[in-house]
Amino acid sequence: MSDMHGNLEPEEHVFRDEEPSDMYEDMAKLNMLYEELCWDHDDILQFCIEGDRIVIRNRTLEED
């Protein structure tokens, strides 16, 4: 009997051998930053370079 739905394995099993990309790692760091600073995921952020630093400003909190 053939399986008409194909492979129903969860995606984490399909991609488990691949290394996370730099973008994935950066997004994980940004997510940790949101949690540490108690920012909402809907907050609007502004990124800028000042000298040798990247500055992240939470524009949503500045408007309050």
PDB file of N, CA and C in Angstrom:
ATOM      1  N   MET A   1       0.846  -1.167   0.000  1.00  0.00           N
ATOM      2  CA  MET A   1       0.000   0.000   0.000  1.00  0.00           C
ATOM      3  C   MET A   1       0.895   1.235   0.000  1.00  0.00           C
ATOM      4  N   SER A   2       0.658   2.158  -0.916  1.00  0.00           N
ATOM      5  CA  SER A   2       1.505   3.346  -0.983  1.00  0.00           C
ATOM      6  C   SER A   2       0.968   4.438  -0.072  1.00  0.00           C
ATOM      7  N   ASP A   3       1.875   5.265   0.391  1.00  0.00           N
ATOM      8  CA  ASP A   3       1.519   6.386   1.264  1.00  0.00           C
ATOM      9  C   ASP A   3       1.226   7.597   0.396  1.00  0.00           C
ATOM     10  N   MET A   4      -0.025   8.014   0.306  1.00  0.00           N
ATOM     11  CA  MET A   4      -0.385   9.106  -0.587  1.00  0.00           C
ATOM     12  C   MET A   4      -0.028  10.481  -0.032  1.00  0.00           C
ATOM     13  N   HIS A   5       0.438  10.559   1.216  1.00  0.00           N
ATOM     14  CA  HIS A   5       0.786  11.849   1.806  1.00  0.00           C
ATOM     15  C   HIS A   5       2.281  12.103   1.827  1.00  0.00           C
ATOM     16  N   GLY A   6       3.092  11.200   1.365  1.00  0.00           N
ATOM     17  CA  GLY A   6       4.538  11.394   1.370  1.00  0.00           C
ATOM     18  C   GLY A   6       5.120  11.226   2.761  1.00  0.00           C
ATOM     19  N   ASN A   7       6.254  11.832   2.979  1.00  0.00           N
ATOM     20  CA  ASN A   7       6.953  11.730   4.259  1.00  0.00           C
ATOM     21  C   ASN A   7       6.326  12.691   5.258  1.00  0.00           C
ATOM     22  N   LEU A   8       5.780  12.177   6.333  1.00  0.00           N
ATOM     23  CA  LEU A   8       5.126  13.002   7.340  1.00  0.00           C
ATOM     24  C   LEU A   8       6.004  13.220   8.567  1.00  0.00           C
ATOM     25  N   GLU A   9       7.303  12.956   8.422  1.00  0.00           N
ATOM     26  CA  GLU A   9       8.224  13.192   9.525  1.00  0.00           C
ATOM     27  C   GLU A   9       8.286  14.686   9.833  1.00  0.00           C
ATOM     28  N   PRO A  10       8.397  15.072  11.116  1.00  0.00           N
ATOM     29  CA  PRO A  10       8.550  16.487  11.454  1.00  0.00           C
ATOM     30  C   PRO A  10       9.809  17.063  10.808  1.00  0.00           C
ATOM     31  N   GLU A  11       9.766  18.357  10.481  1.00  0.00           N
ATOM     32  CA  GLU A  11      10.873  18.987   9.777  1.00  0.00           C
ATOM     33  C   GLU A  11      12.192  18.919  10.533  1.00  0.00           C
ATOM     34  N   GLU A  12      12.158  18.922  11.865  1.00  0.00           N
ATOM     35  CA  GLU A  12      13.420  18.889  12.597  1.00  0.00           C
ATOM     36  C   GLU A  12      14.217  17.628  12.296  1.00  0.00           C
ATOM     37  N   HIS A  13      13.549  16.568  11.857  1.00  0.00           N
ATOM     38  CA  HIS A  13      14.257  15.353  11.498  1.00  0.00           C
ATOM     39  C   HIS A  13      14.861  15.456  10.105  1.00  0.00           C
ATOM     40  N   VAL A  14      14.269  16.241   9.246  1.00  0.00           N
ATOM     41  CA  VAL A  14      14.747  16.386   7.873  1.00  0.00           C
ATOM     42  C   VAL A  14      16.017  17.217   7.832  1.00  0.00           C
ATOM     43  N   PHE A  15      16.111  18.278   8.630  1.00  0.00           N
ATOM     44  CA  PHE A  15      17.222  19.221   8.562  1.00  0.00           C
ATOM     45  C   PHE A  15      18.223  19.077   9.713  1.00  0.00           C
ATOM     46  N   ARG A  16      18.172  18.033  10.464  1.00  0.00           N
ATOM     47  CA  ARG A  16      18.984  17.931  11.674  1.00  0.00           C
ATOM     48  C   ARG A  16      20.488  17.879  11.411  1.00  0.00           C
ATOM     49  N   ASP A  17      20.924  17.492  10.220  1.00  0.00           N
ATOM     50  CA  ASP A  17      22.350  17.385   9.940  1.00  0.00           C
ATOM     51  C   ASP A  17      22.970  18.711   9.500  1.00  0.00           C
ATOM     52  N   GLU A  18      22.157  19.705   9.183  1.00  0.00           N
ATOM     53  CA  GLU A  18      22.676  20.980   8.713  1.00  0.00           C
ATOM     54  C   GLU A  18      23.075  21.873   9.884  1.00  0.00           C
ATOM     55  N   GLU A  19      24.148  22.621   9.697  1.00  0.00           N
ATOM     56  CA  GLU A  19      24.577  23.597  10.692  1.00  0.00           C
ATOM     57  C   GLU A  19      23.684  24.825  10.589  1.00  0.00           C
ATOM     58  N   PRO A  20      23.380  25.470  11.720  1.00  0.00           N
ATOM     59  CA  PRO A  20      22.582  26.698  11.657  1.00  0.00           C
ATOM     60  C   PRO A  20      23.338  27.773  10.882  1.00  0.00           C
ATOM     61  N   SER A  21      22.596  28.554  10.122  1.00  0.00           N
ATOM     62  CA  SER A  21      23.219  29.622   9.351  1.00  0.00           C
ATOM     63  C   SER A  21      23.542  30.800  10.261  1.00  0.00           C
ATOM     64  N   ASP A  22      24.377  31.713   9.762  1.00  0.00           N
ATOM     65  CA  ASP A  22      24.706  32.914  10.526  1.00  0.00           C
ATOM     66  C   ASP A  22      23.445  33.710  10.837  1.00  0.00           C
ATOM     67  N   MET A  23      22.526  33.770   9.880  1.00  0.00           N
ATOM     68  CA  MET A  23      21.286  34.510  10.100  1.00  0.00           C
ATOM     69  C   MET A  23      20.471  33.874  11.224  1.00  0.00           C
ATOM     70  N   TYR A  24      20.410  32.561  11.267  1.00  0.00           N
ATOM     71  CA  TYR A  24      19.695  31.870  12.332  1.00  0.00           C
ATOM     72  C   TYR A  24      20.309  32.199  13.684  1.00  0.00           C
ATOM     73  N   GLU A  25      21.641  32.187  13.752  1.00  0.00           N
ATOM     74  CA  GLU A  25      22.326  32.499  15.009  1.00  0.00           C
ATOM     75  C   GLU A  25      22.094  33.952  15.412  1.00  0.00           C
ATOM     76  N   ASP A  26      22.115  34.877  14.441  1.00  0.00           N
ATOM     77  CA  ASP A  26      21.854  36.288  14.742  1.00  0.00           C
ATOM     78  C   ASP A  26      20.431  36.491  15.244  1.00  0.00           C
ATOM     79  N   MET A  27      19.483  35.794  14.650  1.00  0.00           N
ATOM     80  CA  MET A  27      18.088  35.919  15.085  1.00  0.00           C
ATOM     81  C   MET A  27      17.916  35.348  16.490  1.00  0.00           C
ATOM     82  N   ALA A  28      18.632  34.296  16.811  1.00  0.00           N
ATOM     83  CA  ALA A  28      18.568  33.732  18.170  1.00  0.00           C
ATOM     84  C   ALA A  28      19.116  34.732  19.184  1.00  0.00           C
ATOM     85  N   LYS A  29      20.209  35.417  18.833  1.00  0.00           N
ATOM     86  CA  LYS A  29      20.776  36.434  19.724  1.00  0.00           C
ATOM     87  C   LYS A  29      19.800  37.600  19.900  1.00  0.00           C
ATOM     88  N   LEU A  30      19.174  38.025  18.812  1.00  0.00           N
ATOM     89  CA  LEU A  30      18.211  39.115  18.890  1.00  0.00           C
ATOM     90  C   LEU A  30      17.012  38.717  19.745  1.00  0.00           C
ATOM     91  N   ASN A  31      16.571  37.484  19.629  1.00  0.00           N
ATOM     92  CA  ASN A  31      15.464  36.996  20.443  1.00  0.00           C
ATOM     93  C   ASN A  31      15.839  37.012  21.921  1.00  0.00           C
ATOM     94  N   MET A  32      17.073  36.613  22.258  1.00  0.00           N
ATOM     95  CA  MET A  32      17.525  36.660  23.648  1.00  0.00           C
ATOM     96  C   MET A  32      17.576  38.100  24.153  1.00  0.00           C
ATOM     97  N   LEU A  33      17.973  39.022  23.275  1.00  0.00           N
ATOM     98  CA  LEU A  33      18.024  40.436  23.638  1.00  0.00           C
ATOM     99  C   LEU A  33      16.623  40.960  23.963  1.00  0.00           C
ATOM    100  N   TYR A  34      15.651  40.621  23.123  1.00  0.00           N
ATOM    101  CA  TYR A  34      14.262  41.010  23.391  1.00  0.00           C
ATOM    102  C   TYR A  34      13.825  40.518  24.765  1.00  0.00           C
ATOM    103  N   GLU A  35      14.090  39.261  25.054  1.00  0.00           N
ATOM    104  CA  GLU A  35      13.669  38.684  26.327  1.00  0.00           C
ATOM    105  C   GLU A  35      14.371  39.346  27.510  1.00  0.00           C
ATOM    106  N   GLU A  36      15.674  39.584  27.383  1.00  0.00           N
ATOM    107  CA  GLU A  36      16.438  40.173  28.479  1.00  0.00           C
ATOM    108  C   GLU A  36      15.989  41.596  28.787  1.00  0.00           C
ATOM    109  N   LEU A  37      15.648  42.354  27.752  1.00  0.00           N
ATOM    110  CA  LEU A  37      15.237  43.744  27.934  1.00  0.00           C
ATOM    111  C   LEU A  37      13.724  43.891  28.104  1.00  0.00           C
ATOM    112  N   CYS A  38      13.008  42.766  28.100  1.00  0.00           N
ATOM    113  CA  CYS A  38      11.543  42.748  28.240  1.00  0.00           C
ATOM    114  C   CYS A  38      10.862  43.563  27.141  1.00  0.00           C
ATOM    115  N   TRP A  39      11.404  43.494  25.920  1.00  0.00           N
ATOM    116  CA  TRP A  39      10.797  44.162  24.774  1.00  0.00           C
ATOM    117  C   TRP A  39       9.750  43.249  24.168  1.00  0.00           C
ATOM    118  N   ASP A  40       8.700  43.857  23.632  1.00  0.00           N
ATOM    119  CA  ASP A  40       7.664  43.117  22.931  1.00  0.00           C
ATOM    120  C   ASP A  40       8.159  42.796  21.522  1.00  0.00           C
ATOM    121  N   HIS A  41       7.740  41.684  20.974  1.00  0.00           N
ATOM    122  CA  HIS A  41       8.175  41.301  19.632  1.00  0.00           C
ATOM    123  C   HIS A  41       7.596  42.203  18.549  1.00  0.00           C
ATOM    124  N   ASP A  42       6.608  43.027  18.908  1.00  0.00           N
ATOM    125  CA  ASP A  42       6.045  43.974  17.949  1.00  0.00           C
ATOM    126  C   ASP A  42       6.723  45.340  18.013  1.00  0.00           C
ATOM    127  N   ASP A  43       7.658  45.535  18.947  1.00  0.00           N
ATOM    128  CA  ASP A  43       8.347  46.817  19.072  1.00  0.00           C
ATOM    129  C   ASP A  43       9.148  47.119  17.808  1.00  0.00           C
ATOM    130  N   ILE A  44       9.223  48.392  17.475  1.00  0.00           N
ATOM    131  CA  ILE A  44       9.976  48.828  16.303  1.00  0.00           C
ATOM    132  C   ILE A  44      11.382  49.202  16.751  1.00  0.00           C
ATOM    133  N   LEU A  45      12.372  48.551  16.132  1.00  0.00           N
ATOM    134  CA  LEU A  45      13.763  48.792  16.473  1.00  0.00           C
ATOM    135  C   LEU A  45      14.452  49.582  15.368  1.00  0.00           C
ATOM    136  N   GLN A  46      15.412  50.410  15.776  1.00  0.00           N
ATOM    137  CA  GLN A  46      16.237  51.147  14.820  1.00  0.00           C
ATOM    138  C   GLN A  46      17.686  50.751  15.077  1.00  0.00           C
ATOM    139  N   PHE A  47      18.369  50.307  14.038  1.00  0.00           N
ATOM    140  CA  PHE A  47      19.763  49.915  14.131  1.00  0.00           C
ATOM    141  C   PHE A  47      20.612  50.980  13.452  1.00  0.00           C
ATOM    142  N   CYS A  48      21.694  51.393  14.090  1.00  0.00           N
ATOM    143  CA  CYS A  48      22.629  52.320  13.454  1.00  0.00           C
ATOM    144  C   CYS A  48      24.040  52.016  13.943  1.00  0.00           C
ATOM    145  N   ILE A  49      25.009  52.449  13.156  1.00  0.00           N
ATOM    146  CA  ILE A  49      26.409  52.248  13.510  1.00  0.00           C
ATOM    147  C   ILE A  49      26.947  53.572  14.015  1.00  0.00           C
ATOM    148  N   GLU A  50      27.493  53.543  15.228  1.00  0.00           N
ATOM    149  CA  GLU A  50      28.111  54.714  15.829  1.00  0.00           C
ATOM    150  C   GLU A  50      29.553  54.345  16.171  1.00  0.00           C
ATOM    151  N   GLY A  51      30.480  54.858  15.369  1.00  0.00           N
ATOM    152  CA  GLY A  51      31.882  54.481  15.556  1.00  0.00           C
ATOM    153  C   GLY A  51      32.069  53.010  15.259  1.00  0.00           C
ATOM    154  N   ASP A  52      32.530  52.273  16.253  1.00  0.00           N
ATOM    155  CA  ASP A  52      32.752  50.838  16.072  1.00  0.00           C
ATOM    156  C   ASP A  52      31.687  49.996  16.772  1.00  0.00           C
ATOM    157  N   ARG A  53      30.515  50.608  17.047  1.00  0.00           N
ATOM    158  CA  ARG A  53      29.432  49.896  17.746  1.00  0.00           C
ATOM    159  C   ARG A  53      28.155  49.906  16.921  1.00  0.00           C
ATOM    160  N   ILE A  54      27.368  48.897  17.088  1.00  0.00           N
ATOM    161  CA  ILE A  54      26.014  48.860  16.532  1.00  0.00           C
ATOM    162  C   ILE A  54      25.079  49.236  17.668  1.00  0.00           C
ATOM    163  N   VAL A  55      24.291  50.279  17.471  1.00  0.00           N
ATOM    164  CA  VAL A  55      23.369  50.765  18.497  1.00  0.00           C
ATOM    165  C   VAL A  55      21.952  50.379  18.083  1.00  0.00           C
ATOM    166  N   ILE A  56      21.223  49.768  19.013  1.00  0.00           N
ATOM    167  CA  ILE A  56      19.840  49.360  18.770  1.00  0.00           C
ATOM    168  C   ILE A  56      18.950  50.199  19.676  1.00  0.00           C
ATOM    169  N   ARG A  57      18.022  50.926  19.068  1.00  0.00           N
ATOM    170  CA  ARG A  57      17.092  51.762  19.830  1.00  0.00           C
ATOM    171  C   ARG A  57      15.685  51.214  19.656  1.00  0.00           C
ATOM    172  N   ASN A  58      14.971  51.153  20.755  1.00  0.00           N
ATOM    173  CA  ASN A  58      13.579  50.699  20.717  1.00  0.00           C
ATOM    174  C   ASN A  58      12.708  51.940  20.524  1.00  0.00           C
ATOM    175  N   ARG A  59      12.323  52.181  19.276  1.00  0.00           N
ATOM    176  CA  ARG A  59      11.543  53.375  18.934  1.00  0.00           C
ATOM    177  C   ARG A  59      10.148  53.335  19.581  1.00  0.00           C
ATOM    178  N   THR A  60       9.595  52.172  19.763  1.00  0.00           N
ATOM    179  CA  THR A  60       8.265  52.047  20.373  1.00  0.00           C
ATOM    180  C   THR A  60       8.293  52.572  21.799  1.00  0.00           C
ATOM    181  N   LEU A  61       9.316  52.222  22.582  1.00  0.00           N
ATOM    182  CA  LEU A  61       9.395  52.693  23.962  1.00  0.00           C
ATOM    183  C   LEU A  61       9.707  54.184  24.052  1.00  0.00           C
ATOM    184  N   GLU A  62      10.433  54.719  23.066  1.00  0.00           N
ATOM    185  CA  GLU A  62      10.758  56.138  23.074  1.00  0.00           C
ATOM    186  C   GLU A  62       9.541  57.000  22.795  1.00  0.00           C
ATOM    187  N   GLU A  63       8.526  56.432  22.128  1.00  0.00           N
ATOM    188  CA  GLU A  63       7.316  57.188  21.795  1.00  0.00           C
ATOM    189  C   GLU A  63       6.365  57.300  22.990  1.00  0.00           C
ATOM    190  N   ASP A  64       6.505  56.415  23.971  1.00  0.00           N
ATOM    191  CA  ASP A  64       5.608  56.430  25.141  1.00  0.00           C
ATOM    192  C   ASP A  64       5.841  57.613  26.034  1.00  0.00           C
TER     193      ASP A  64
END
